[in-house]
Amino acid sequence: MTQLLNINKLSIAFAQTQVVHDLSFYINAGEKVALVGESGSGKSVTALSILQLLQDQVNYPSGSIQFQKQDLLQLKKAQLRRLRGKEIAMIFQEPMTSLNPVYPIGTQLMEPLLLHEGLSKSAARRRMLELLERTGIPEPHKRFDAYPHTLSGGQRQRVMIAMALACKPKLLIADEPTTALDVTIQLQIIELLEEMQKEFQTAVLLISHDLNLVKRFAERIYVMQAGRLVESATVDKLFKQPEQPYTQHLLNSQPERIQTDYDYSADTPPLLEGKQIRCYFTQKQFLKRNVSEVKAVDDINLQLFPGETVGIVGESGSGKTTLGLCLLRLQNCTGMIQFANQRLDQLPPRQLRRLRRHFQVVFQDPYSSLSPRQTVEQIIGEGLKIHFPAFKRRERILSILNEVGLEENILSRYPYQFSGGQRQRIAIARAVILEPQLILLDEPTSALDVSVQKQVIELLINLQRKHKISYLFISHDLKVIRAISHRIFVMRHGQFIEQGETEQLFNHPQHPYTQSLLQASLFTTA
């Protein structure tokens, strides 16, 4: 096979800190290769280096990046611009930040064709409409003039794929292209990449921490740790006979069921109960009189018992997060909500505020939910300051840091100085320090590596057993839901379509939608 890309002894440094060390690997023409490793291992830095998209202060102490036998590190900016998009294209992790919010997607889609192919606007429009249709965008002629924020996450990622493949590049770099997507959309995107790769004979470098997805897609795998290449092999060999301890650690970090069965008692009253919960939104189109009604939550009934974990699964837009916010009175709704034998839906704001320490929230993205202007000590101690002004805050903060596995020397540091897993531990500590009876966990592990996911799940279960906390766990990751939940509710279009004990639901799903979710979760390749 013809060698398309050859990275030889590449080292990358930020100022005086070296982040990639003597990295060497190759990709053949038309080949599907994966680069895996935990956050901070140097995967994305390596990918960005291929297209020279890193900041100017980055330096390359040694090595070369040969693409079709020319060293990309030696090219001038004008030469690189001619390569980007035409010969080498890239799909980024978050399409919303990759697409320009002030331009319609059609304008952005045509840009590489106008720049590299010299097509007229009408010809470029026809080409991109065909490609949008091929990537599964419904009614592409209508979507062409839409803005990025009006599309779903899966549709935005399809737009990015269409843009990347517009000039039929020889190499496509896909950096975590499915991380924030639902399991069914993940499978669709991977199948689409496979189809496009075969048609255009494009080589693909897939960067991911999802090993099941990598197993489903790639032919060869490179494993990175702390900026170094620790192992490389074909997919079959690496998954069956991993040689290095780090690779074995990654493969053994897949979330497994570690939750014990819940001991129900007929006399135990529910800690949280919702009856006929409804949350409807009115939707009005800009400069139009048409008003439509969106039933985000539609007649939901739910009970959560003390010390129990209830999982709520479903695709984006199913109403999972809205339901959780409704039950904690963080979103207006109708229906009866009872917490610890007290009607929350009838309480005025002042009385409700005093109760809030008993039910806390851990959000999906700890980076955006933690104040960047506060230190760790201020973040964790803020709740104590509000609800327990006379409490010895410092001692309690140090105690809870120990419980979540963090050192006390981090108290004066800020959120940006931590990894994703450490920030999520800080968010959990902020919630647990008030000794709540209930915690709403909204996708708390979706952006974390598999090994960090497992650590966070184990931490949550240990805290639950120690403090008898109840969890309302919202996720689209079925492996994580299975690992932590006692009971599961499957949600679609604002309604529960199936519910049951965790193992019963996974082993004997009744509803076709539940069956499709389980098939799409790639359990068949685990």
Protein backbone atom coordinates (compact mmCIF):
# COMPACT_ATOMS: atom_id res chain seq x y z
CA MET A 1 0.00 0.00 0.00
CA THR A 2 1.09 3.59 -0.68
CA GLN A 3 2.16 5.46 2.43
CA LEU A 4 0.20 8.73 2.62
CA LEU A 5 1.28 10.23 5.97
CA ASN A 6 4.46 9.48 7.87
CA ILE A 7 5.17 11.16 11.21
CA ASN A 8 8.76 10.51 12.25
CA LYS A 9 10.14 11.20 15.75
CA LEU A 10 7.92 14.25 16.21
CA SER A 11 8.36 16.30 19.40
CA ILE A 12 6.09 19.23 20.33
CA ALA A 13 6.66 21.76 23.11
CA PHE A 14 4.66 24.65 24.58
CA ALA A 15 7.30 27.12 25.78
CA GLN A 16 9.60 24.91 27.91
CA THR A 17 7.09 22.10 28.41
CA GLN A 18 7.33 19.17 26.01
CA VAL A 19 3.94 17.53 25.40
CA VAL A 20 4.76 15.07 22.60
CA HIS A 21 7.92 12.96 22.69
CA ASP A 22 9.52 11.29 19.64
CA LEU A 23 6.20 10.21 18.14
CA SER A 24 6.29 8.05 15.01
CA PHE A 25 3.43 6.50 13.06
CA TYR A 26 2.13 6.21 9.51
CA ILE A 27 -1.15 6.04 7.59
CA ASN A 28 -1.56 4.37 4.22
CA ALA A 29 -3.77 5.70 1.43
CA GLY A 30 -7.43 4.77 1.96
CA GLU A 31 -6.76 3.32 5.44
CA LYS A 32 -8.80 3.77 8.64
CA VAL A 33 -6.49 4.38 11.60
CA ALA A 34 -7.38 5.31 15.20
CA LEU A 35 -5.36 7.29 17.73
CA VAL A 36 -6.55 6.59 21.28
CA GLY A 37 -5.58 7.64 24.79
CA GLU A 38 -6.83 9.60 27.76
CA SER A 39 -7.23 13.39 27.90
CA GLY A 40 -3.83 15.06 27.97
CA SER A 41 -2.09 12.20 26.14
CA GLY A 42 -1.32 14.44 23.15
CA LYS A 43 -3.80 13.07 20.57
CA SER A 44 -5.41 16.36 19.54
CA VAL A 45 -2.12 18.27 19.67
CA THR A 46 -0.66 15.75 17.23
CA ALA A 47 -3.68 16.05 14.92
CA LEU A 48 -3.56 19.85 14.95
CA SER A 49 0.16 19.73 14.21
CA ILE A 50 -0.47 17.89 10.94
CA LEU A 51 -2.36 20.93 9.61
CA GLN A 52 -0.20 23.42 11.56
CA LEU A 53 -3.23 24.76 13.46
CA LEU A 54 -1.45 25.25 16.78
CA GLN A 55 -0.52 28.67 18.12
CA ASP A 56 2.67 30.39 17.02
CA GLN A 57 4.43 29.91 20.37
CA VAL A 58 4.41 26.14 19.85
CA ASN A 59 7.76 24.80 18.71
CA TYR A 60 8.87 21.52 17.18
CA PRO A 61 12.26 20.56 18.68
CA SER A 62 12.62 17.62 16.31
CA GLY A 63 10.90 15.36 13.83
CA SER A 64 9.00 15.59 10.56
CA ILE A 65 5.46 15.23 9.23
CA GLN A 66 5.68 13.82 5.72
CA PHE A 67 2.50 14.04 3.62
CA GLN A 68 2.92 12.64 0.12
CA LYS A 69 6.68 12.92 0.67
CA GLN A 70 6.71 16.63 1.53
CA ASP A 71 7.47 17.83 5.06
CA LEU A 72 4.50 19.86 6.31
CA LEU A 73 6.64 21.47 9.04
CA GLN A 74 8.77 23.12 6.35
CA LEU A 75 5.90 24.59 4.29
CA LYS A 76 5.06 28.27 4.28
CA LYS A 77 1.62 29.52 5.34
CA ALA A 78 0.44 30.06 1.77
CA GLN A 79 1.41 26.50 0.84
CA LEU A 80 -0.40 25.13 3.91
CA ARG A 81 -3.55 27.07 3.03
CA ARG A 82 -3.61 25.34 -0.37
CA LEU A 83 -3.44 21.95 1.38
CA ARG A 84 -6.04 22.59 4.10
CA GLY A 85 -9.48 21.49 3.03
CA LYS A 86 -8.31 20.22 -0.36
CA GLU A 87 -5.74 17.53 0.45
CA ILE A 88 -6.21 17.23 4.22
CA ALA A 89 -9.50 18.03 5.97
CA MET A 90 -10.53 17.95 9.61
CA ILE A 91 -13.74 17.35 11.56
CA PHE A 92 -13.61 18.87 15.04
CA GLN A 93 -15.18 17.59 18.26
CA GLU A 94 -17.73 20.38 18.74
CA PRO A 95 -19.33 21.48 15.45
CA MET A 96 -21.16 24.41 17.06
CA THR A 97 -17.86 26.12 17.83
CA SER A 98 -16.39 25.12 14.45
CA LEU A 99 -19.20 26.65 12.38
CA ASN A 100 -19.45 30.45 12.14
CA PRO A 101 -22.71 31.45 13.90
CA VAL A 102 -23.26 34.60 11.78
CA TYR A 103 -23.25 32.89 8.36
CA PRO A 104 -25.76 30.39 6.93
CA ILE A 105 -24.32 26.90 6.61
CA GLY A 106 -24.58 27.10 2.79
CA THR A 107 -22.13 30.01 2.67
CA GLN A 108 -19.68 28.05 4.80
CA LEU A 109 -20.17 24.83 2.81
CA MET A 110 -19.37 26.49 -0.51
CA GLU A 111 -16.18 28.17 0.74
CA PRO A 112 -13.75 25.26 0.14
CA LEU A 113 -15.16 24.70 -3.37
CA LEU A 114 -14.87 28.38 -4.27
CA LEU A 115 -11.39 28.58 -2.81
CA HIS A 116 -9.81 25.32 -4.00
CA GLU A 117 -11.89 24.17 -6.97
CA GLY A 118 -12.62 27.56 -8.54
CA LEU A 119 -16.29 26.71 -9.08
CA SER A 120 -18.97 29.31 -9.64
CA LYS A 121 -21.42 29.91 -6.80
CA SER A 122 -24.22 28.10 -8.62
CA ALA A 123 -22.03 25.06 -9.34
CA ALA A 124 -20.73 25.02 -5.75
CA ARG A 125 -24.30 25.23 -4.45
CA ARG A 126 -25.39 22.26 -6.60
CA ARG A 127 -22.39 20.19 -5.47
CA MET A 128 -22.99 20.89 -1.76
CA LEU A 129 -26.73 20.24 -1.99
CA GLU A 130 -25.92 16.82 -3.44
CA LEU A 131 -23.40 16.15 -0.66
CA LEU A 132 -25.81 17.32 2.06
CA GLU A 133 -28.38 14.90 0.71
CA ARG A 134 -25.77 12.12 0.69
CA THR A 135 -24.92 12.83 4.34
CA GLY A 136 -28.55 12.46 5.37
CA ILE A 137 -29.58 16.08 5.95
CA PRO A 138 -33.39 16.29 5.49
CA GLU A 139 -34.60 18.83 2.92
CA PRO A 140 -31.09 20.12 2.10
CA HIS A 141 -32.39 22.99 -0.05
CA LYS A 142 -34.13 24.41 3.05
CA ARG A 143 -31.23 23.71 5.41
CA PHE A 144 -28.77 25.37 3.04
CA ASP A 145 -29.80 28.85 4.16
CA ALA A 146 -30.25 27.90 7.83
CA TYR A 147 -27.93 29.08 10.60
CA PRO A 148 -25.94 26.58 12.71
CA HIS A 149 -27.96 27.16 15.91
CA THR A 150 -31.16 25.99 14.18
CA LEU A 151 -29.72 22.51 13.53
CA SER A 152 -29.43 19.61 15.96
CA GLY A 153 -26.03 18.33 17.10
CA GLY A 154 -26.17 15.40 14.70
CA GLN A 155 -27.15 17.63 11.77
CA ARG A 156 -24.31 20.06 12.55
CA GLN A 157 -21.84 17.18 12.56
CA ARG A 158 -23.19 15.99 9.19
CA VAL A 159 -22.64 19.51 7.84
CA MET A 160 -19.04 19.36 9.07
CA ILE A 161 -18.55 16.00 7.34
CA ALA A 162 -20.02 17.37 4.09
CA MET A 163 -17.72 20.41 4.30
CA ALA A 164 -14.67 18.25 5.02
CA LEU A 165 -15.38 15.94 2.07
CA ALA A 166 -16.31 18.72 -0.38
CA CYS A 167 -12.94 18.64 -2.18
CA LYS A 168 -12.48 14.85 -1.81
CA PRO A 169 -9.37 15.10 0.42
CA LYS A 170 -6.83 12.30 0.57
CA LEU A 171 -6.72 12.43 4.41
CA LEU A 172 -9.57 13.16 6.81
CA ILE A 173 -8.79 13.81 10.48
CA ALA A 174 -11.81 13.21 12.75
CA ASP A 175 -11.14 14.50 16.27
CA GLU A 176 -13.74 13.00 18.67
CA PRO A 177 -16.52 13.47 16.07
CA THR A 178 -19.21 11.67 18.11
CA THR A 179 -18.38 12.50 21.75
CA ALA A 180 -21.37 14.75 22.52
CA LEU A 181 -23.90 12.84 20.40
CA ASP A 182 -26.58 10.30 21.31
CA VAL A 183 -25.85 6.63 20.76
CA THR A 184 -28.16 6.35 17.75
CA ILE A 185 -26.63 9.48 16.17
CA GLN A 186 -23.11 8.17 16.97
CA LEU A 187 -23.81 5.01 15.01
CA GLN A 188 -25.27 7.00 12.11
CA ILE A 189 -22.20 9.28 11.97
CA ILE A 190 -19.77 6.33 12.04
CA GLU A 191 -21.72 4.53 9.32
CA LEU A 192 -21.73 7.74 7.27
CA LEU A 193 -17.95 8.13 7.67
CA GLU A 194 -17.46 4.53 6.57
CA GLU A 195 -19.67 5.04 3.51
CA MET A 196 -17.94 8.30 2.50
CA GLN A 197 -14.50 6.79 3.13
CA LYS A 198 -15.20 3.89 0.80
CA GLU A 199 -16.67 6.11 -1.92
CA PHE A 200 -13.91 8.73 -1.96
CA GLN A 201 -11.07 6.33 -0.95
CA THR A 202 -10.10 8.80 1.76
CA ALA A 203 -7.72 7.80 4.54
CA VAL A 204 -9.20 8.55 7.98
CA LEU A 205 -7.39 9.28 11.24
CA LEU A 206 -10.00 8.83 13.98
CA ILE A 207 -9.17 10.32 17.39
CA SER A 208 -11.34 8.99 20.18
CA HIS A 209 -11.45 7.70 23.75
CA ASP A 210 -14.45 5.47 22.97
CA LEU A 211 -12.84 2.06 22.45
CA ASN A 212 -16.03 0.33 21.32
CA LEU A 213 -16.46 2.93 18.60
CA VAL A 214 -12.81 2.54 17.56
CA LYS A 215 -13.23 -1.24 17.42
CA ARG A 216 -16.28 -0.76 15.19
CA PHE A 217 -14.52 1.60 12.74
CA ALA A 218 -10.73 1.30 12.56
CA GLU A 219 -8.32 -1.18 10.97
CA ARG A 220 -5.22 -0.25 12.99
CA ILE A 221 -4.82 1.50 16.37
CA TYR A 222 -2.10 3.63 17.93
CA VAL A 223 -2.22 4.10 21.73
CA MET A 224 -0.77 7.27 23.29
CA GLN A 225 0.08 8.00 26.92
CA ALA A 226 1.61 11.21 28.24
CA GLY A 227 2.74 12.30 24.78
CA ARG A 228 4.37 8.98 23.87
CA LEU A 229 3.33 6.10 21.64
CA VAL A 230 3.04 3.03 23.88
CA GLU A 231 1.52 0.44 21.54
CA SER A 232 0.34 -0.09 17.97
CA ALA A 233 -1.44 -3.06 16.42
CA THR A 234 -4.33 -4.14 14.27
CA VAL A 235 -7.75 -3.83 15.90
CA ASP A 236 -8.20 -7.58 16.36
CA LYS A 237 -4.79 -8.10 17.90
CA LEU A 238 -4.94 -5.13 20.25
CA PHE A 239 -8.38 -5.98 21.65
CA LYS A 240 -7.57 -9.69 22.02
CA GLN A 241 -3.91 -9.50 23.14
CA PRO A 242 -2.92 -6.04 24.43
CA GLU A 243 0.77 -6.08 25.35
CA GLN A 244 1.28 -2.91 27.37
CA PRO A 245 -0.15 -2.38 30.91
CA TYR A 246 -1.59 1.00 29.91
CA THR A 247 -3.52 -0.52 26.98
CA GLN A 248 -4.81 -3.24 29.30
CA HIS A 249 -5.85 -0.51 31.75
CA LEU A 250 -7.81 1.30 29.03
CA LEU A 251 -9.59 -1.87 27.94
CA ASN A 252 -10.43 -2.76 31.55
CA SER A 253 -11.82 0.72 32.24
CA GLN A 254 -15.08 0.16 30.38
CA PRO A 255 -17.96 0.90 32.78
CA GLU A 256 -19.32 -2.31 34.30
CA ARG A 257 -22.24 -2.79 36.63
CA ILE A 258 -20.94 -2.13 40.15
CA GLN A 259 -24.22 -1.02 41.73
CA THR A 260 -25.80 -3.45 44.18
CA ASP A 261 -29.49 -4.28 44.08
CA TYR A 262 -31.79 -1.89 45.93
CA ASP A 263 -33.53 -3.33 49.00
CA TYR A 264 -37.14 -2.26 48.60
CA SER A 265 -39.56 -2.10 51.48
CA ALA A 266 -43.29 -1.80 50.94
CA ASP A 267 -43.53 0.61 53.87
CA THR A 268 -40.83 3.01 52.65
CA PRO A 269 -42.32 6.28 51.37
CA PRO A 270 -40.68 7.80 48.29
CA LEU A 271 -38.20 10.61 48.85
CA LEU A 272 -39.27 12.34 45.62
CA GLU A 273 -42.54 11.90 43.78
CA GLY A 274 -43.88 13.61 40.69
CA LYS A 275 -47.39 13.16 39.33
CA GLN A 276 -48.69 14.37 35.97
CA ILE A 277 -45.65 16.61 35.41
CA ARG A 278 -46.11 18.74 32.31
CA CYS A 279 -43.82 21.33 30.78
CA TYR A 280 -44.93 22.86 27.47
CA PHE A 281 -43.07 25.55 25.53
CA THR A 282 -44.46 27.83 22.85
CA GLN A 283 -42.27 28.24 19.80
CA LYS A 284 -42.60 31.22 17.48
CA GLN A 285 -40.71 31.61 14.24
CA PHE A 286 -38.83 34.84 13.68
CA LEU A 287 -40.93 37.49 11.85
CA LYS A 288 -43.77 34.98 11.47
CA ARG A 289 -47.10 34.65 13.23
CA ASN A 290 -46.99 30.87 13.41
CA VAL A 291 -46.85 29.63 17.01
CA SER A 292 -46.32 25.96 17.81
CA GLU A 293 -46.39 24.11 21.13
CA VAL A 294 -43.54 21.82 22.20
CA LYS A 295 -44.44 19.20 24.80
CA ALA A 296 -41.04 18.87 26.47
CA VAL A 297 -42.49 16.87 29.40
CA ASP A 298 -45.90 15.32 28.93
CA ASP A 299 -47.79 13.70 31.85
CA ILE A 300 -44.81 12.11 33.65
CA ASN A 301 -45.18 10.09 36.88
CA LEU A 302 -42.05 9.13 38.82
CA GLN A 303 -41.01 7.93 42.27
CA LEU A 304 -37.49 7.94 43.74
CA PHE A 305 -36.82 6.20 47.06
CA PRO A 306 -34.17 6.99 49.72
CA GLY A 307 -30.74 5.68 48.73
CA GLU A 308 -31.90 4.68 45.25
CA THR A 309 -30.48 5.60 41.84
CA VAL A 310 -33.00 6.09 39.05
CA GLY A 311 -31.58 6.43 35.54
CA ILE A 312 -33.34 8.40 32.82
CA VAL A 313 -32.17 7.66 29.27
CA GLY A 314 -33.16 8.99 25.88
CA GLU A 315 -31.87 10.96 22.95
CA SER A 316 -31.28 14.72 22.88
CA GLY A 317 -34.60 16.54 22.88
CA SER A 318 -36.44 13.72 24.65
CA GLY A 319 -37.06 15.91 27.72
CA LYS A 320 -34.65 14.27 30.20
CA THR A 321 -32.97 17.42 31.49
CA THR A 322 -36.21 19.44 31.45
CA LEU A 323 -37.87 16.76 33.61
CA GLY A 324 -35.01 16.84 36.12
CA LEU A 325 -35.17 20.64 36.36
CA CYS A 326 -38.96 20.48 36.77
CA LEU A 327 -38.73 18.02 39.66
CA LEU A 328 -36.32 20.34 41.50
CA ARG A 329 -38.44 23.43 40.72
CA LEU A 330 -35.73 24.93 38.52
CA GLN A 331 -38.14 24.98 35.56
CA ASN A 332 -41.78 26.04 35.56
CA CYS A 333 -44.22 23.17 35.13
CA THR A 334 -47.61 21.87 36.24
CA GLY A 335 -48.36 18.80 38.33
CA MET A 336 -47.70 17.58 41.85
CA ILE A 337 -44.10 17.43 43.16
CA GLN A 338 -43.51 16.05 46.64
CA PHE A 339 -40.12 15.89 48.37
CA ALA A 340 -39.75 14.28 51.81
CA ASN A 341 -43.53 14.52 52.36
CA GLN A 342 -43.56 18.22 51.47
CA ARG A 343 -45.27 19.71 48.39
CA LEU A 344 -42.61 21.60 46.44
CA ASP A 345 -45.05 22.80 43.80
CA GLN A 346 -46.97 24.81 46.42
CA LEU A 347 -44.01 26.44 48.19
CA PRO A 348 -43.22 30.14 47.70
CA PRO A 349 -39.64 30.98 46.58
CA ARG A 350 -38.40 32.00 50.06
CA GLN A 351 -39.40 28.70 51.66
CA LEU A 352 -38.16 26.73 48.67
CA ARG A 353 -34.74 28.40 48.94
CA ARG A 354 -34.29 27.07 52.47
CA LEU A 355 -34.98 23.54 51.23
CA ARG A 356 -32.55 23.66 48.33
CA ARG A 357 -29.61 22.36 50.34
CA HIS A 358 -31.44 18.99 50.46
CA PHE A 359 -31.42 18.58 46.66
CA GLN A 360 -28.37 19.54 44.63
CA VAL A 361 -27.31 19.37 40.97
CA VAL A 362 -24.13 18.21 39.19
CA PHE A 363 -24.13 19.46 35.59
CA GLN A 364 -22.72 17.94 32.40
CA ASP A 365 -19.86 20.38 31.83
CA PRO A 366 -18.01 21.27 35.03
CA TYR A 367 -15.93 23.87 33.20
CA SER A 368 -18.98 26.02 32.46
CA SER A 369 -20.77 25.29 35.76
CA LEU A 370 -17.80 26.25 37.97
CA SER A 371 -17.06 29.96 38.28
CA PRO A 372 -13.70 30.75 36.64
CA ARG A 373 -13.21 33.66 39.06
CA GLN A 374 -13.48 31.59 42.24
CA THR A 375 -10.91 29.32 43.85
CA VAL A 376 -11.72 25.72 44.72
CA GLU A 377 -12.18 26.70 48.36
CA GLN A 378 -14.69 29.43 47.42
CA ILE A 379 -16.59 27.14 45.02
CA ILE A 380 -16.98 24.25 47.47
CA GLY A 381 -17.63 26.47 50.47
CA GLU A 382 -20.19 28.74 48.83
CA GLY A 383 -23.16 26.55 49.81
CA LEU A 384 -21.97 26.37 53.41
CA LYS A 385 -21.69 30.14 53.51
CA ILE A 386 -25.35 30.45 52.43
CA HIS A 387 -26.96 27.64 54.43
CA PHE A 388 -24.58 27.27 57.41
CA PRO A 389 -23.01 30.70 58.05
CA ALA A 390 -21.66 29.68 61.47
CA PHE A 391 -20.26 26.33 60.27
CA LYS A 392 -16.52 25.65 60.41
CA ARG A 393 -16.17 25.76 56.66
CA ARG A 394 -12.45 25.07 56.25
CA GLU A 395 -12.58 21.78 58.18
CA ARG A 396 -15.65 20.59 56.29
CA ILE A 397 -14.12 21.54 52.90
CA LEU A 398 -10.93 19.59 53.68
CA SER A 399 -13.01 16.61 54.76
CA ILE A 400 -15.10 16.53 51.60
CA LEU A 401 -12.00 16.99 49.39
CA ASN A 402 -10.59 13.84 50.96
CA GLU A 403 -13.85 11.99 50.26
CA VAL A 404 -13.80 12.83 46.54
CA GLY A 405 -10.10 11.98 46.19
CA LEU A 406 -8.54 15.45 45.93
CA GLU A 407 -5.58 16.93 47.82
CA GLU A 408 -5.94 19.92 50.15
CA ASN A 409 -3.17 21.82 48.35
CA ILE A 410 -5.60 22.62 45.49
CA LEU A 411 -7.77 25.01 47.54
CA SER A 412 -6.20 28.18 46.13
CA ARG A 413 -6.28 27.02 42.51
CA TYR A 414 -8.86 27.86 39.81
CA PRO A 415 -11.00 25.50 37.64
CA TYR A 416 -8.96 26.00 34.44
CA GLN A 417 -5.94 24.46 36.21
CA PHE A 418 -7.58 21.03 36.44
CA SER A 419 -8.42 18.15 34.12
CA GLY A 420 -12.03 17.31 33.24
CA GLY A 421 -12.17 14.49 35.78
CA GLN A 422 -10.77 16.70 38.56
CA ARG A 423 -13.26 19.47 37.76
CA GLN A 424 -16.13 16.99 37.95
CA ARG A 425 -14.88 15.84 41.36
CA ILE A 426 -14.91 19.48 42.49
CA ALA A 427 -18.51 19.82 41.22
CA ILE A 428 -19.49 16.66 43.11
CA ALA A 429 -17.78 17.94 46.27
CA ARG A 430 -19.72 21.22 45.98
CA ALA A 431 -22.98 19.24 45.89
CA VAL A 432 -22.17 16.66 48.57
CA ILE A 433 -20.78 19.11 51.15
CA LEU A 434 -24.31 20.21 52.06
CA GLU A 435 -25.25 16.59 52.85
CA PRO A 436 -28.23 16.56 50.48
CA GLN A 437 -30.78 13.79 50.35
CA LEU A 438 -31.01 13.96 46.56
CA ILE A 439 -28.58 14.85 43.76
CA LEU A 440 -29.60 15.38 40.13
CA LEU A 441 -26.72 14.21 37.93
CA ASP A 442 -27.14 15.57 34.40
CA GLU A 443 -24.74 13.75 32.02
CA PRO A 444 -21.89 13.98 34.58
CA THR A 445 -19.54 11.62 32.70
CA SER A 446 -20.31 12.32 29.02
CA ALA A 447 -17.15 14.33 28.30
CA LEU A 448 -14.77 12.16 30.34
CA ASP A 449 -12.38 9.39 29.34
CA VAL A 450 -13.45 5.82 30.04
CA SER A 451 -11.00 5.39 32.92
CA VAL A 452 -12.13 8.68 34.49
CA GLN A 453 -15.79 7.69 33.93
CA LYS A 454 -15.22 4.55 35.94
CA GLN A 455 -13.52 6.51 38.75
CA VAL A 456 -16.43 8.99 38.92
CA ILE A 457 -19.04 6.18 38.96
CA GLU A 458 -17.20 4.40 41.79
CA LEU A 459 -16.93 7.69 43.69
CA LEU A 460 -20.67 8.37 43.33
CA ILE A 461 -21.61 4.88 44.52
CA ASN A 462 -19.27 5.11 47.53
CA LEU A 463 -20.73 8.50 48.48
CA GLN A 464 -24.24 7.09 48.09
CA ARG A 465 -23.54 4.17 50.40
CA LYS A 466 -21.88 6.38 53.00
CA HIS A 467 -24.41 9.23 53.04
CA LYS A 468 -27.58 7.38 51.84
CA ILE A 469 -28.00 9.85 48.95
CA SER A 470 -30.60 9.30 46.22
CA TYR A 471 -29.53 9.97 42.63
CA LEU A 472 -31.58 11.01 39.62
CA PHE A 473 -29.07 10.11 36.91
CA ILE A 474 -29.64 11.52 33.40
CA SER A 475 -27.54 10.18 30.54
CA HIS A 476 -27.53 8.96 26.95
CA ASP A 477 -24.60 6.63 27.72
CA LEU A 478 -26.23 3.27 28.34
CA LYS A 479 -23.04 1.66 29.67
CA VAL A 480 -22.80 4.29 32.42
CA ILE A 481 -26.53 4.06 33.19
CA ARG A 482 -26.26 0.29 33.54
CA ALA A 483 -23.27 0.58 35.87
CA ILE A 484 -24.93 2.90 38.40
CA SER A 485 -28.74 2.62 38.24
CA HIS A 486 -31.18 0.51 40.23
CA ARG A 487 -34.12 1.32 37.96
CA ILE A 488 -34.26 2.88 34.49
CA PHE A 489 -36.87 5.00 32.71
CA VAL A 490 -36.62 5.31 28.91
CA MET A 491 -37.85 8.69 27.67
CA ARG A 492 -38.94 9.76 24.21
CA HIS A 493 -40.81 12.87 23.03
CA GLY A 494 -41.49 13.96 26.64
CA GLN A 495 -42.96 10.64 27.80
CA PHE A 496 -41.77 7.46 29.50
CA ILE A 497 -42.14 4.61 27.04
CA GLU A 498 -40.56 1.88 29.18
CA GLN A 499 -39.31 1.39 32.72
CA GLY A 500 -37.97 -1.41 34.86
CA GLU A 501 -35.17 -2.89 36.94
CA THR A 502 -31.81 -2.27 35.28
CA GLU A 503 -30.82 -5.81 34.35
CA GLN A 504 -34.36 -6.75 33.38
CA LEU A 505 -34.61 -3.80 31.00
CA PHE A 506 -31.20 -4.45 29.45
CA ASN A 507 -31.73 -8.18 29.04
CA HIS A 508 -35.39 -8.09 27.98
CA PRO A 509 -36.29 -4.70 26.45
CA GLN A 510 -39.93 -4.61 25.37
CA HIS A 511 -40.34 -1.39 23.39
CA PRO A 512 -38.84 -1.19 19.86
CA TYR A 513 -37.28 2.19 20.69
CA THR A 514 -35.48 0.72 23.72
CA GLN A 515 -34.26 -2.15 21.56
CA SER A 516 -32.92 0.31 18.97
CA LEU A 517 -31.09 2.28 21.68
CA LEU A 518 -29.42 -0.87 22.98
CA GLN A 519 -28.40 -1.95 19.47
CA ALA A 520 -26.99 1.49 18.69
CA SER A 521 -24.97 1.60 21.93
CA LEU A 522 -22.44 -0.76 20.29
CA PHE A 523 -22.83 -3.42 22.98
CA THR A 524 -22.54 -5.97 20.20
CA THR A 525 -18.92 -4.94 19.72
CA ALA A 526 -18.02 -4.70 23.40
